[in-house]
PDB file of N, CA and C in Angstrom:
ATOM      1  N   UNK A   1      -6.967 -37.365  15.280  1.00  0.00           N
ATOM      2  CA  UNK A   1      -6.480 -36.638  14.243  1.00  0.00           C
ATOM      3  C   UNK A   1      -5.222 -35.861  14.754  1.00  0.00           C
ATOM      4  N   UNK A   2      -4.150 -35.964  13.984  1.00  0.00           N
ATOM      5  CA  UNK A   2      -2.888 -35.257  14.411  1.00  0.00           C
ATOM      6  C   UNK A   2      -2.941 -33.809  14.156  1.00  0.00           C
ATOM      7  N   UNK A   3      -2.270 -32.992  14.941  1.00  0.00           N
ATOM      8  CA  UNK A   3      -2.275 -31.558  14.814  1.00  0.00           C
ATOM      9  C   UNK A   3      -0.895 -31.218  14.145  1.00  0.00           C
ATOM     10  N   UNK A   4      -0.998 -30.418  13.063  1.00  0.00           N
ATOM     11  CA  UNK A   4       0.232 -29.932  12.421  1.00  0.00           C
ATOM     12  C   UNK A   4       0.915 -28.924  13.247  1.00  0.00           C
ATOM     13  N   UNK A   5       2.120 -29.089  13.670  1.00  0.00           N
ATOM     14  CA  UNK A   5       2.812 -28.122  14.594  1.00  0.00           C
ATOM     15  C   UNK A   5       2.895 -26.740  14.059  1.00  0.00           C
ATOM     16  N   UNK A   6       2.937 -26.582  12.688  1.00  0.00           N
ATOM     17  CA  UNK A   6       2.881 -25.258  12.164  1.00  0.00           C
ATOM     18  C   UNK A   6       1.702 -24.486  12.376  1.00  0.00           C
ATOM     19  N   UNK A   7       0.537 -25.194  12.621  1.00  0.00           N
ATOM     20  CA  UNK A   7      -0.742 -24.557  12.862  1.00  0.00           C
ATOM     21  C   UNK A   7      -0.708 -23.835  14.220  1.00  0.00           C
ATOM     22  N   UNK A   8       0.182 -24.282  15.162  1.00  0.00           N
ATOM     23  CA  UNK A   8       0.189 -23.695  16.470  1.00  0.00           C
ATOM     24  C   UNK A   8       1.125 -22.491  16.500  1.00  0.00           C
ATOM     25  N   UNK A   9       1.925 -22.244  15.509  1.00  0.00           N
ATOM     26  CA  UNK A   9       2.755 -21.111  15.491  1.00  0.00           C
ATOM     27  C   UNK A   9       1.994 -19.840  15.156  1.00  0.00           C
ATOM     28  N   UNK A  10       2.337 -18.713  15.752  1.00  0.00           N
ATOM     29  CA  UNK A  10       1.576 -17.480  15.368  1.00  0.00           C
ATOM     30  C   UNK A  10       1.859 -17.125  13.981  1.00  0.00           C
ATOM     31  N   UNK A  11       0.858 -16.590  13.240  1.00  0.00           N
ATOM     32  CA  UNK A  11       1.030 -16.151  11.918  1.00  0.00           C
ATOM     33  C   UNK A  11       2.030 -14.996  11.774  1.00  0.00           C
ATOM     34  N   UNK A  12       2.923 -15.072  10.806  1.00  0.00           N
ATOM     35  CA  UNK A  12       3.844 -13.932  10.592  1.00  0.00           C
ATOM     36  C   UNK A  12       3.068 -12.770   9.972  1.00  0.00           C
ATOM     37  N   UNK A  13       3.480 -11.529  10.472  1.00  0.00           N
ATOM     38  CA  UNK A  13       2.900 -10.334   9.868  1.00  0.00           C
ATOM     39  C   UNK A  13       3.461 -10.180   8.406  1.00  0.00           C
ATOM     40  N   UNK A  14       2.694  -9.670   7.580  1.00  0.00           N
ATOM     41  CA  UNK A  14       3.141  -9.426   6.195  1.00  0.00           C
ATOM     42  C   UNK A  14       4.145  -8.273   6.203  1.00  0.00           C
ATOM     43  N   UNK A  15       5.114  -8.450   5.352  1.00  0.00           N
ATOM     44  CA  UNK A  15       6.188  -7.455   5.237  1.00  0.00           C
ATOM     45  C   UNK A  15       5.631  -6.127   4.551  1.00  0.00           C
ATOM     46  N   UNK A  16       4.506  -6.270   3.897  1.00  0.00           N
ATOM     47  CA  UNK A  16       3.930  -5.110   3.191  1.00  0.00           C
ATOM     48  C   UNK A  16       3.165  -5.633   2.016  1.00  0.00           C
ATOM     49  N   UNK A  17       2.570  -4.762   1.288  1.00  0.00           N
ATOM     50  CA  UNK A  17       1.756  -5.153   0.197  1.00  0.00           C
ATOM     51  C   UNK A  17       2.652  -5.515  -0.997  1.00  0.00           C
ATOM     52  N   UNK A  18       2.312  -6.720  -1.557  1.00  0.00           N
ATOM     53  CA  UNK A  18       3.050  -7.139  -2.755  1.00  0.00           C
ATOM     54  C   UNK A  18       1.998  -7.145  -3.819  1.00  0.00           C
ATOM     55  N   UNK A  19       2.238  -6.461  -4.870  1.00  0.00           N
ATOM     56  CA  UNK A  19       1.204  -6.374  -6.035  1.00  0.00           C
ATOM     57  C   UNK A  19       1.331  -7.702  -6.733  1.00  0.00           C
ATOM     58  N   UNK A  20       0.137  -8.228  -7.049  1.00  0.00           N
ATOM     59  CA  UNK A  20      -0.019  -9.495  -7.816  1.00  0.00           C
ATOM     60  C   UNK A  20      -0.022 -10.705  -6.821  1.00  0.00           C
ATOM     61  N   UNK A  21       0.126 -10.421  -5.573  1.00  0.00           N
ATOM     62  CA  UNK A  21       0.183 -11.466  -4.543  1.00  0.00           C
ATOM     63  C   UNK A  21      -1.182 -12.310  -4.583  1.00  0.00           C
ATOM     64  N   UNK A  22      -1.025 -13.648  -4.267  1.00  0.00           N
ATOM     65  CA  UNK A  22      -2.152 -14.511  -4.218  1.00  0.00           C
ATOM     66  C   UNK A  22      -3.081 -14.097  -3.109  1.00  0.00           C
ATOM     67  N   UNK A  23      -4.321 -13.802  -3.433  1.00  0.00           N
ATOM     68  CA  UNK A  23      -5.275 -13.372  -2.415  1.00  0.00           C
ATOM     69  C   UNK A  23      -6.074 -14.531  -1.818  1.00  0.00           C
ATOM     70  N   UNK A  24      -5.994 -15.677  -2.332  1.00  0.00           N
ATOM     71  CA  UNK A  24      -6.800 -16.789  -1.961  1.00  0.00           C
ATOM     72  C   UNK A  24      -6.545 -17.231  -0.485  1.00  0.00           C
ATOM     73  N   UNK A  25      -5.346 -16.953   0.053  1.00  0.00           N
ATOM     74  CA  UNK A  25      -5.012 -17.276   1.369  1.00  0.00           C
ATOM     75  C   UNK A  25      -5.454 -16.281   2.450  1.00  0.00           C
ATOM     76  N   UNK A  26      -5.977 -15.177   1.998  1.00  0.00           N
ATOM     77  CA  UNK A  26      -6.292 -14.059   2.935  1.00  0.00           C
ATOM     78  C   UNK A  26      -7.756 -14.142   3.326  1.00  0.00           C
ATOM     79  N   UNK A  27      -7.972 -13.750   4.566  1.00  0.00           N
ATOM     80  CA  UNK A  27      -9.341 -13.686   5.071  1.00  0.00           C
ATOM     81  C   UNK A  27      -9.971 -12.376   4.667  1.00  0.00           C
ATOM     82  N   UNK A  28     -11.281 -12.221   4.789  1.00  0.00           N
ATOM     83  CA  UNK A  28     -11.989 -11.032   4.475  1.00  0.00           C
ATOM     84  C   UNK A  28     -11.441  -9.809   5.243  1.00  0.00           C
ATOM     85  N   UNK A  29     -11.241  -9.975   6.508  1.00  0.00           N
ATOM     86  CA  UNK A  29     -10.674  -8.768   7.248  1.00  0.00           C
ATOM     87  C   UNK A  29      -9.257  -8.440   6.810  1.00  0.00           C
ATOM     88  N   UNK A  30      -8.462  -9.402   6.388  1.00  0.00           N
ATOM     89  CA  UNK A  30      -7.103  -9.105   5.906  1.00  0.00           C
ATOM     90  C   UNK A  30      -7.121  -8.416   4.527  1.00  0.00           C
ATOM     91  N   UNK A  31      -8.193  -8.763   3.732  1.00  0.00           N
ATOM     92  CA  UNK A  31      -8.365  -8.116   2.383  1.00  0.00           C
ATOM     93  C   UNK A  31      -8.839  -6.721   2.649  1.00  0.00           C
ATOM     94  N   UNK A  32      -9.722  -6.466   3.620  1.00  0.00           N
ATOM     95  CA  UNK A  32     -10.173  -5.079   3.928  1.00  0.00           C
ATOM     96  C   UNK A  32      -9.060  -4.233   4.401  1.00  0.00           C
ATOM     97  N   UNK A  33      -8.113  -4.816   5.207  1.00  0.00           N
ATOM     98  CA  UNK A  33      -6.956  -4.055   5.687  1.00  0.00           C
ATOM     99  C   UNK A  33      -6.141  -3.745   4.461  1.00  0.00           C
ATOM    100  N   UNK A  34      -5.943  -4.592   3.588  1.00  0.00           N
ATOM    101  CA  UNK A  34      -5.114  -4.526   2.350  1.00  0.00           C
ATOM    102  C   UNK A  34      -5.643  -3.351   1.555  1.00  0.00           C
ATOM    103  N   UNK A  35      -6.957  -3.292   1.353  1.00  0.00           N
ATOM    104  CA  UNK A  35      -7.613  -2.285   0.586  1.00  0.00           C
ATOM    105  C   UNK A  35      -7.351  -0.922   1.316  1.00  0.00           C
ATOM    106  N   UNK A  36      -7.543  -0.843   2.613  1.00  0.00           N
ATOM    107  CA  UNK A  36      -7.295   0.372   3.356  1.00  0.00           C
ATOM    108  C   UNK A  36      -5.919   0.859   3.108  1.00  0.00           C
ATOM    109  N   UNK A  37      -4.875  -0.080   3.226  1.00  0.00           N
ATOM    110  CA  UNK A  37      -3.569   0.255   3.078  1.00  0.00           C
ATOM    111  C   UNK A  37      -3.251   0.805   1.655  1.00  0.00           C
ATOM    112  N   UNK A  38      -3.862   0.161   0.649  1.00  0.00           N
ATOM    113  CA  UNK A  38      -3.714   0.619  -0.693  1.00  0.00           C
ATOM    114  C   UNK A  38      -4.307   2.024  -0.908  1.00  0.00           C
ATOM    115  N   UNK A  39      -5.478   2.287  -0.360  1.00  0.00           N
ATOM    116  CA  UNK A  39      -6.118   3.564  -0.507  1.00  0.00           C
ATOM    117  C   UNK A  39      -5.279   4.727   0.200  1.00  0.00           C
ATOM    118  N   UNK A  40      -4.616   4.368   1.358  1.00  0.00           N
ATOM    119  CA  UNK A  40      -3.730   5.303   1.996  1.00  0.00           C
ATOM    120  C   UNK A  40      -2.522   5.646   1.094  1.00  0.00           C
ATOM    121  N   UNK A  41      -2.011   4.547   0.549  1.00  0.00           N
ATOM    122  CA  UNK A  41      -0.831   4.747  -0.359  1.00  0.00           C
ATOM    123  C   UNK A  41      -1.213   5.561  -1.657  1.00  0.00           C
ATOM    124  N   UNK A  42      -2.392   5.310  -2.150  1.00  0.00           N
ATOM    125  CA  UNK A  42      -2.816   6.070  -3.372  1.00  0.00           C
ATOM    126  C   UNK A  42      -2.966   7.501  -2.992  1.00  0.00           C
ATOM    127  N   UNK A  43      -3.536   7.859  -1.838  1.00  0.00           N
ATOM    128  CA  UNK A  43      -3.700   9.232  -1.426  1.00  0.00           C
ATOM    129  C   UNK A  43      -2.290   9.902  -1.212  1.00  0.00           C
ATOM    130  N   UNK A  44      -1.316   9.118  -0.648  1.00  0.00           N
ATOM    131  CA  UNK A  44       0.032   9.674  -0.529  1.00  0.00           C
ATOM    132  C   UNK A  44       0.734   9.935  -1.762  1.00  0.00           C
ATOM    133  N   UNK A  45       0.527   9.050  -2.748  1.00  0.00           N
ATOM    134  CA  UNK A  45       1.043   9.244  -4.117  1.00  0.00           C
ATOM    135  C   UNK A  45       0.401  10.516  -4.789  1.00  0.00           C
ATOM    136  N   UNK A  46      -0.941  10.668  -4.687  1.00  0.00           N
ATOM    137  CA  UNK A  46      -1.611  11.815  -5.268  1.00  0.00           C
ATOM    138  C   UNK A  46      -1.115  13.047  -4.714  1.00  0.00           C
ATOM    139  N   UNK A  47      -0.804  13.095  -3.355  1.00  0.00           N
ATOM    140  CA  UNK A  47      -0.370  14.274  -2.725  1.00  0.00           C
ATOM    141  C   UNK A  47       1.079  14.628  -3.214  1.00  0.00           C
ATOM    142  N   UNK A  48       1.873  13.590  -3.453  1.00  0.00           N
ATOM    143  CA  UNK A  48       3.234  13.819  -3.982  1.00  0.00           C
ATOM    144  C   UNK A  48       3.192  14.408  -5.403  1.00  0.00           C
ATOM    145  N   UNK A  49       2.246  13.900  -6.189  1.00  0.00           N
ATOM    146  CA  UNK A  49       2.091  14.416  -7.570  1.00  0.00           C
ATOM    147  C   UNK A  49       1.705  15.866  -7.461  1.00  0.00           C
ATOM    148  N   UNK A  50       0.756  16.190  -6.595  1.00  0.00           N
ATOM    149  CA  UNK A  50       0.328  17.661  -6.447  1.00  0.00           C
ATOM    150  C   UNK A  50       1.468  18.490  -6.058  1.00  0.00           C
ATOM    151  N   UNK A  51       2.292  18.033  -5.084  1.00  0.00           N
ATOM    152  CA  UNK A  51       3.485  18.817  -4.764  1.00  0.00           C
ATOM    153  C   UNK A  51       4.462  19.070  -5.898  1.00  0.00           C
ATOM    154  N   UNK A  52       4.715  17.986  -6.636  1.00  0.00           N
ATOM    155  CA  UNK A  52       5.609  18.132  -7.765  1.00  0.00           C
ATOM    156  C   UNK A  52       5.030  19.061  -8.806  1.00  0.00           C
ATOM    157  N   UNK A  53       3.794  18.956  -9.146  1.00  0.00           N
ATOM    158  CA  UNK A  53       3.220  19.864 -10.077  1.00  0.00           C
ATOM    159  C   UNK A  53       3.218  21.312  -9.625  1.00  0.00           C
ATOM    160  N   UNK A  54       3.014  21.590  -8.351  1.00  0.00           N
ATOM    161  CA  UNK A  54       3.170  22.879  -7.834  1.00  0.00           C
ATOM    162  C   UNK A  54       4.607  23.384  -7.951  1.00  0.00           C
ATOM    163  N   UNK A  55       5.555  22.587  -7.727  1.00  0.00           N
ATOM    164  CA  UNK A  55       6.944  22.975  -7.828  1.00  0.00           C
ATOM    165  C   UNK A  55       7.279  23.252  -9.274  1.00  0.00           C
ATOM    166  N   UNK A  56       6.765  22.408 -10.187  1.00  0.00           N
ATOM    167  CA  UNK A  56       7.043  22.618 -11.604  1.00  0.00           C
ATOM    168  C   UNK A  56       6.406  23.939 -12.077  1.00  0.00           C
ATOM    169  N   UNK A  57       5.137  24.179 -11.611  1.00  0.00           N
ATOM    170  CA  UNK A  57       4.421  25.340 -11.963  1.00  0.00           C
ATOM    171  C   UNK A  57       5.150  26.658 -11.453  1.00  0.00           C
ATOM    172  N   UNK A  58       5.694  26.577 -10.224  1.00  0.00           N
ATOM    173  CA  UNK A  58       6.398  27.688  -9.691  1.00  0.00           C
ATOM    174  C   UNK A  58       7.669  27.980 -10.447  1.00  0.00           C
ATOM    175  N   UNK A  59       8.445  26.914 -10.907  1.00  0.00           N
ATOM    176  CA  UNK A  59       9.611  27.067 -11.611  1.00  0.00           C
ATOM    177  C   UNK A  59       9.289  27.647 -12.978  1.00  0.00           C
ATOM    178  N   UNK A  60       8.206  27.180 -13.641  1.00  0.00           N
ATOM    179  CA  UNK A  60       7.823  27.696 -14.979  1.00  0.00           C
ATOM    180  C   UNK A  60       7.526  29.154 -14.843  1.00  0.00           C
ATOM    181  N   UNK A  61       6.818  29.585 -13.826  1.00  0.00           N
ATOM    182  CA  UNK A  61       6.458  31.029 -13.661  1.00  0.00           C
ATOM    183  C   UNK A  61       7.722  31.866 -13.410  1.00  0.00           C
ATOM    184  N   UNK A  62       8.610  31.363 -12.597  1.00  0.00           N
ATOM    185  CA  UNK A  62       9.853  32.145 -12.295  1.00  0.00           C
ATOM    186  C   UNK A  62      10.638  32.358 -13.496  1.00  0.00           C
ATOM    187  N   UNK A  63      10.744  31.311 -14.305  1.00  0.00           N
ATOM    188  CA  UNK A  63      11.653  31.405 -15.500  1.00  0.00           C
ATOM    189  C   UNK A  63      11.020  32.016 -16.728  1.00  0.00           C
ATOM    190  N   UNK A  64       9.736  32.419 -16.674  1.00  0.00           N
ATOM    191  CA  UNK A  64       9.006  33.085 -17.738  1.00  0.00           C
ATOM    192  C   UNK A  64       9.136  34.561 -17.634  1.00  0.00           C
ATOM    193  N   UNK A  65       9.771  35.064 -16.600  1.00  0.00           N
ATOM    194  CA  UNK A  65       9.923  36.495 -16.358  1.00  0.00           C
ATOM    195  C   UNK A  65      10.515  37.150 -17.504  1.00  0.00           C
TER     196      UNK A  65
END
């Protein structure tokens, strides 16, 4: 049986998470890593929202004087 030369090449690292990407090619550990990365990004977004709301609240308080 012949070996496909592309199978010998190291796998390329993903450039990042692509929403809607085909998951059928990913292994279970790759999917777990993806979930972890998404959870980290969600937490980062929630923190940014909290900061923006605090800034908005401070501005509203300042201008209500």
